[in-house]
Amino acid sequence: MEIEEALTTYLLAQTGLTALIDRRFSFDIQPQFDTLPAVVCINVSDVKDHHLTGQTTYESPVYQFTVYATTRAGAMAVGDQLKTALKDYSGTLSGLVVQYIKILNELRSTYTSPEGLILAHIYDLEIEVYFERS
C-alpha cells in the first residue's frame, strides 16, 4: 500500500474530521465539490534516505493539505481536526510503519474572484511523514 492511500484511510476514519467534510477529500486534484468544506492533498516532496550502499527503506515525504471552506471558522475547524489526527502521530497506517508525523507549516488565505469577492477561505497544513516502506 502507498502512503497516500494509508493517510486517506486513516483520515477518513477520524469521526471529528468526517463530521465536517464527509468524504470530500482527494489527492492531487480538486474535484468540483458542490459542498464545502473539502480537503485536497498534494505531495510537495518525496525525500528518500540513503546510506553508502544505496537507498534505504526509510522515506520522509512532505504533504500539503489544503482546506477549502465558506468561512474562516469553517476552514480553521477542519484544520484543527487535521492537526489533531496528524500531529506527532506514530504507529502503523494500513501496514506501513510510521515513525513520526511532524507539522512543518500552517498558512491561512482566501480565494477571491477577479472582482475581489471571497469565494473560499483556505487553510494549508504542511506535514512531513517519516515512515518505512516494506
C-alpha atoms as a PDB file:
ATOM      1  CA  MET A   1       0.000   0.000   0.000  1.00  0.00           C
ATOM      2  CA  GLU A   2       1.153   3.531  -0.755  1.00  0.00           C
ATOM      3  CA  ILE A   3       1.460   6.125   1.998  1.00  0.00           C
ATOM      4  CA  GLU A   4      -1.159   8.329   0.282  1.00  0.00           C
ATOM      5  CA  GLU A   5      -3.718   5.521   0.469  1.00  0.00           C
ATOM      6  CA  ALA A   6      -2.790   4.845   4.103  1.00  0.00           C
ATOM      7  CA  LEU A   7      -3.184   8.537   5.034  1.00  0.00           C
ATOM      8  CA  THR A   8      -6.537   8.703   3.225  1.00  0.00           C
ATOM      9  CA  THR A   9      -7.862   5.620   5.006  1.00  0.00           C
ATOM     10  CA  TYR A  10      -6.647   6.921   8.364  1.00  0.00           C
ATOM     11  CA  LEU A  11      -8.045  10.433   7.945  1.00  0.00           C
ATOM     12  CA  LEU A  12     -11.433   9.270   6.662  1.00  0.00           C
ATOM     13  CA  ALA A  13     -11.720   7.098   9.789  1.00  0.00           C
ATOM     14  CA  GLN A  14     -11.442  10.203  12.021  1.00  0.00           C
ATOM     15  CA  THR A  15     -15.030  10.974  13.024  1.00  0.00           C
ATOM     16  CA  GLY A  16     -14.307  14.576  14.025  1.00  0.00           C
ATOM     17  CA  LEU A  17     -12.925  15.247  10.547  1.00  0.00           C
ATOM     18  CA  THR A  18     -15.571  13.368   8.580  1.00  0.00           C
ATOM     19  CA  ALA A  19     -18.318  15.102  10.577  1.00  0.00           C
ATOM     20  CA  LEU A  20     -17.096  18.299   8.883  1.00  0.00           C
ATOM     21  CA  ILE A  21     -16.024  17.140   5.406  1.00  0.00           C
ATOM     22  CA  ASP A  22     -17.890  13.848   4.975  1.00  0.00           C
ATOM     23  CA  ARG A  23     -15.764  12.152   2.277  1.00  0.00           C
ATOM     24  CA  ARG A  24     -14.754  15.347   0.449  1.00  0.00           C
ATOM     25  CA  PHE A  25     -11.043  14.513   0.493  1.00  0.00           C
ATOM     26  CA  SER A  26      -8.803  13.933  -2.508  1.00  0.00           C
ATOM     27  CA  PHE A  27      -5.163  13.710  -3.520  1.00  0.00           C
ATOM     28  CA  ASP A  28      -3.528  15.805  -6.245  1.00  0.00           C
ATOM     29  CA  ILE A  29      -6.557  17.472  -7.835  1.00  0.00           C
ATOM     30  CA  GLN A  30      -9.513  19.364  -6.515  1.00  0.00           C
ATOM     31  CA  PRO A  31     -12.720  17.849  -7.798  1.00  0.00           C
ATOM     32  CA  GLN A  32     -15.655  20.163  -8.238  1.00  0.00           C
ATOM     33  CA  PHE A  33     -17.101  19.959  -4.748  1.00  0.00           C
ATOM     34  CA  ASP A  34     -20.689  21.158  -4.590  1.00  0.00           C
ATOM     35  CA  THR A  35     -20.378  21.463  -0.834  1.00  0.00           C
ATOM     36  CA  LEU A  36     -17.615  22.873   1.340  1.00  0.00           C
ATOM     37  CA  PRO A  37     -15.583  22.306   3.427  1.00  0.00           C
ATOM     38  CA  ALA A  38     -13.331  19.966   1.481  1.00  0.00           C
ATOM     39  CA  VAL A  39      -9.668  18.913   1.666  1.00  0.00           C
ATOM     40  CA  VAL A  40      -7.152  18.421  -1.153  1.00  0.00           C
ATOM     41  CA  CYS A  41      -3.702  16.977  -0.506  1.00  0.00           C
ATOM     42  CA  ILE A  42      -0.611  17.225  -2.706  1.00  0.00           C
ATOM     43  CA  ASN A  43       2.836  15.715  -2.419  1.00  0.00           C
ATOM     44  CA  VAL A  44       5.298  18.600  -2.080  1.00  0.00           C
ATOM     45  CA  SER A  45       8.444  16.450  -1.993  1.00  0.00           C
ATOM     46  CA  ASP A  46       9.368  12.797  -1.688  1.00  0.00           C
ATOM     47  CA  VAL A  47      12.656  12.517   0.198  1.00  0.00           C
ATOM     48  CA  LYS A  48      14.435   9.148   0.192  1.00  0.00           C
ATOM     49  CA  ASP A  49      17.026   8.098   2.771  1.00  0.00           C
ATOM     50  CA  HIS A  50      20.340   6.689   1.551  1.00  0.00           C
ATOM     51  CA  HIS A  51      23.444   5.099   3.004  1.00  0.00           C
ATOM     52  CA  LEU A  52      26.741   4.030   1.405  1.00  0.00           C
ATOM     53  CA  THR A  53      25.272   1.017  -0.381  1.00  0.00           C
ATOM     54  CA  GLY A  54      22.135   2.687  -1.719  1.00  0.00           C
ATOM     55  CA  GLN A  55      18.624   3.736  -0.843  1.00  0.00           C
ATOM     56  CA  THR A  56      17.142   2.528   2.434  1.00  0.00           C
ATOM     57  CA  THR A  57      13.505   1.653   3.062  1.00  0.00           C
ATOM     58  CA  TYR A  58      13.002   4.905   5.015  1.00  0.00           C
ATOM     59  CA  GLU A  59      11.252   7.853   3.399  1.00  0.00           C
ATOM     60  CA  SER A  60      10.079  11.253   4.558  1.00  0.00           C
ATOM     61  CA  PRO A  61       7.691  12.804   2.040  1.00  0.00           C
ATOM     62  CA  VAL A  62       6.155  16.216   2.632  1.00  0.00           C
ATOM     63  CA  TYR A  63       2.440  16.757   2.015  1.00  0.00           C
ATOM     64  CA  GLN A  64       0.322  19.884   1.926  1.00  0.00           C
ATOM     65  CA  PHE A  65      -3.309  19.570   2.985  1.00  0.00           C
ATOM     66  CA  THR A  66      -5.437  22.453   1.693  1.00  0.00           C
ATOM     67  CA  VAL A  67      -8.817  23.045   3.316  1.00  0.00           C
ATOM     68  CA  TYR A  68     -11.458  24.972   1.366  1.00  0.00           C
ATOM     69  CA  ALA A  69     -14.418  26.330   3.354  1.00  0.00           C
ATOM     70  CA  THR A  70     -17.081  29.006   3.060  1.00  0.00           C
ATOM     71  CA  THR A  71     -15.976  30.700   6.306  1.00  0.00           C
ATOM     72  CA  ARG A  72     -12.681  31.264   8.073  1.00  0.00           C
ATOM     73  CA  ALA A  73     -14.053  29.475  11.146  1.00  0.00           C
ATOM     74  CA  GLY A  74     -15.039  26.507   8.971  1.00  0.00           C
ATOM     75  CA  ALA A  75     -11.551  26.273   7.471  1.00  0.00           C
ATOM     76  CA  MET A  76      -9.967  26.504  10.920  1.00  0.00           C
ATOM     77  CA  ALA A  77     -12.271  23.807  12.345  1.00  0.00           C
ATOM     78  CA  VAL A  78     -11.245  21.353   9.611  1.00  0.00           C
ATOM     79  CA  GLY A  79      -7.599  22.378  10.029  1.00  0.00           C
ATOM     80  CA  ASP A  80      -7.811  21.715  13.763  1.00  0.00           C
ATOM     81  CA  GLN A  81      -9.173  18.220  13.088  1.00  0.00           C
ATOM     82  CA  LEU A  82      -6.334  17.508  10.645  1.00  0.00           C
ATOM     83  CA  LYS A  83      -3.777  18.719  13.200  1.00  0.00           C
ATOM     84  CA  THR A  84      -5.337  16.591  15.947  1.00  0.00           C
ATOM     85  CA  ALA A  85      -5.196  13.495  13.736  1.00  0.00           C
ATOM     86  CA  LEU A  86      -1.677  14.033  12.363  1.00  0.00           C
ATOM     87  CA  LYS A  87       0.416  15.971  14.913  1.00  0.00           C
ATOM     88  CA  ASP A  88       3.145  13.780  16.438  1.00  0.00           C
ATOM     89  CA  TYR A  89       1.474  10.601  15.130  1.00  0.00           C
ATOM     90  CA  SER A  90       3.478   7.391  15.285  1.00  0.00           C
ATOM     91  CA  GLY A  91       2.153   3.902  14.680  1.00  0.00           C
ATOM     92  CA  THR A  92       1.005   1.719  11.825  1.00  0.00           C
ATOM     93  CA  LEU A  93      -1.133   3.052   8.975  1.00  0.00           C
ATOM     94  CA  SER A  94      -2.545   0.276   6.789  1.00  0.00           C
ATOM     95  CA  GLY A  95       0.553  -1.843   7.373  1.00  0.00           C
ATOM     96  CA  LEU A  96       3.113   0.958   6.923  1.00  0.00           C
ATOM     97  CA  VAL A  97       5.206   1.742   9.982  1.00  0.00           C
ATOM     98  CA  VAL A  98       5.148   5.500  10.627  1.00  0.00           C
ATOM     99  CA  GLN A  99       7.888   6.650  12.973  1.00  0.00           C
ATOM    100  CA  TYR A 100       6.646  10.214  13.198  1.00  0.00           C
ATOM    101  CA  ILE A 101       4.479  12.850  11.550  1.00  0.00           C
ATOM    102  CA  LYS A 102       5.745  16.388  12.007  1.00  0.00           C
ATOM    103  CA  ILE A 103       3.800  19.579  11.284  1.00  0.00           C
ATOM    104  CA  LEU A 104       6.052  21.906   9.306  1.00  0.00           C
ATOM    105  CA  ASN A 105       3.877  24.889   8.478  1.00  0.00           C
ATOM    106  CA  GLU A 106       0.384  26.388   8.637  1.00  0.00           C
ATOM    107  CA  LEU A 107      -0.972  29.118   6.371  1.00  0.00           C
ATOM    108  CA  ARG A 108      -4.311  30.899   6.049  1.00  0.00           C
ATOM    109  CA  SER A 109      -5.547  32.735   2.974  1.00  0.00           C
ATOM    110  CA  THR A 110      -8.575  33.351   0.783  1.00  0.00           C
ATOM    111  CA  TYR A 111      -9.510  32.504  -2.779  1.00  0.00           C
ATOM    112  CA  THR A 112     -11.072  35.524  -4.433  1.00  0.00           C
ATOM    113  CA  SER A 113     -12.874  36.319  -7.662  1.00  0.00           C
ATOM    114  CA  PRO A 114     -11.451  38.903 -10.095  1.00  0.00           C
ATOM    115  CA  GLU A 115     -13.886  41.355  -8.520  1.00  0.00           C
ATOM    116  CA  GLY A 116     -12.397  40.745  -5.082  1.00  0.00           C
ATOM    117  CA  LEU A 117     -15.237  38.636  -3.658  1.00  0.00           C
ATOM    118  CA  ILE A 118     -14.126  35.888  -1.288  1.00  0.00           C
ATOM    119  CA  LEU A 119     -15.072  32.567  -2.876  1.00  0.00           C
ATOM    120  CA  ALA A 120     -13.433  30.338  -0.249  1.00  0.00           C
ATOM    121  CA  HIS A 121     -11.368  30.531   2.899  1.00  0.00           C
ATOM    122  CA  ILE A 122      -8.225  28.419   2.729  1.00  0.00           C
ATOM    123  CA  TYR A 123      -6.184  26.738   5.439  1.00  0.00           C
ATOM    124  CA  ASP A 124      -2.958  24.947   4.457  1.00  0.00           C
ATOM    125  CA  LEU A 125      -1.235  22.421   6.687  1.00  0.00           C
ATOM    126  CA  GLU A 126       2.166  21.093   5.631  1.00  0.00           C
ATOM    127  CA  ILE A 127       3.416  17.868   7.219  1.00  0.00           C
ATOM    128  CA  GLU A 128       6.395  15.542   6.923  1.00  0.00           C
ATOM    129  CA  VAL A 129       5.795  11.800   7.301  1.00  0.00           C
ATOM    130  CA  TYR A 130       8.717   9.641   8.415  1.00  0.00           C
ATOM    131  CA  PHE A 131       7.911   6.038   7.508  1.00  0.00           C
ATOM    132  CA  GLU A 132       9.434   2.763   6.436  1.00  0.00           C
ATOM    133  CA  ARG A 133       8.425   1.244   3.129  1.00  0.00           C
ATOM    134  CA  SER A 134       8.402  -2.540   3.404  1.00  0.00           C
END
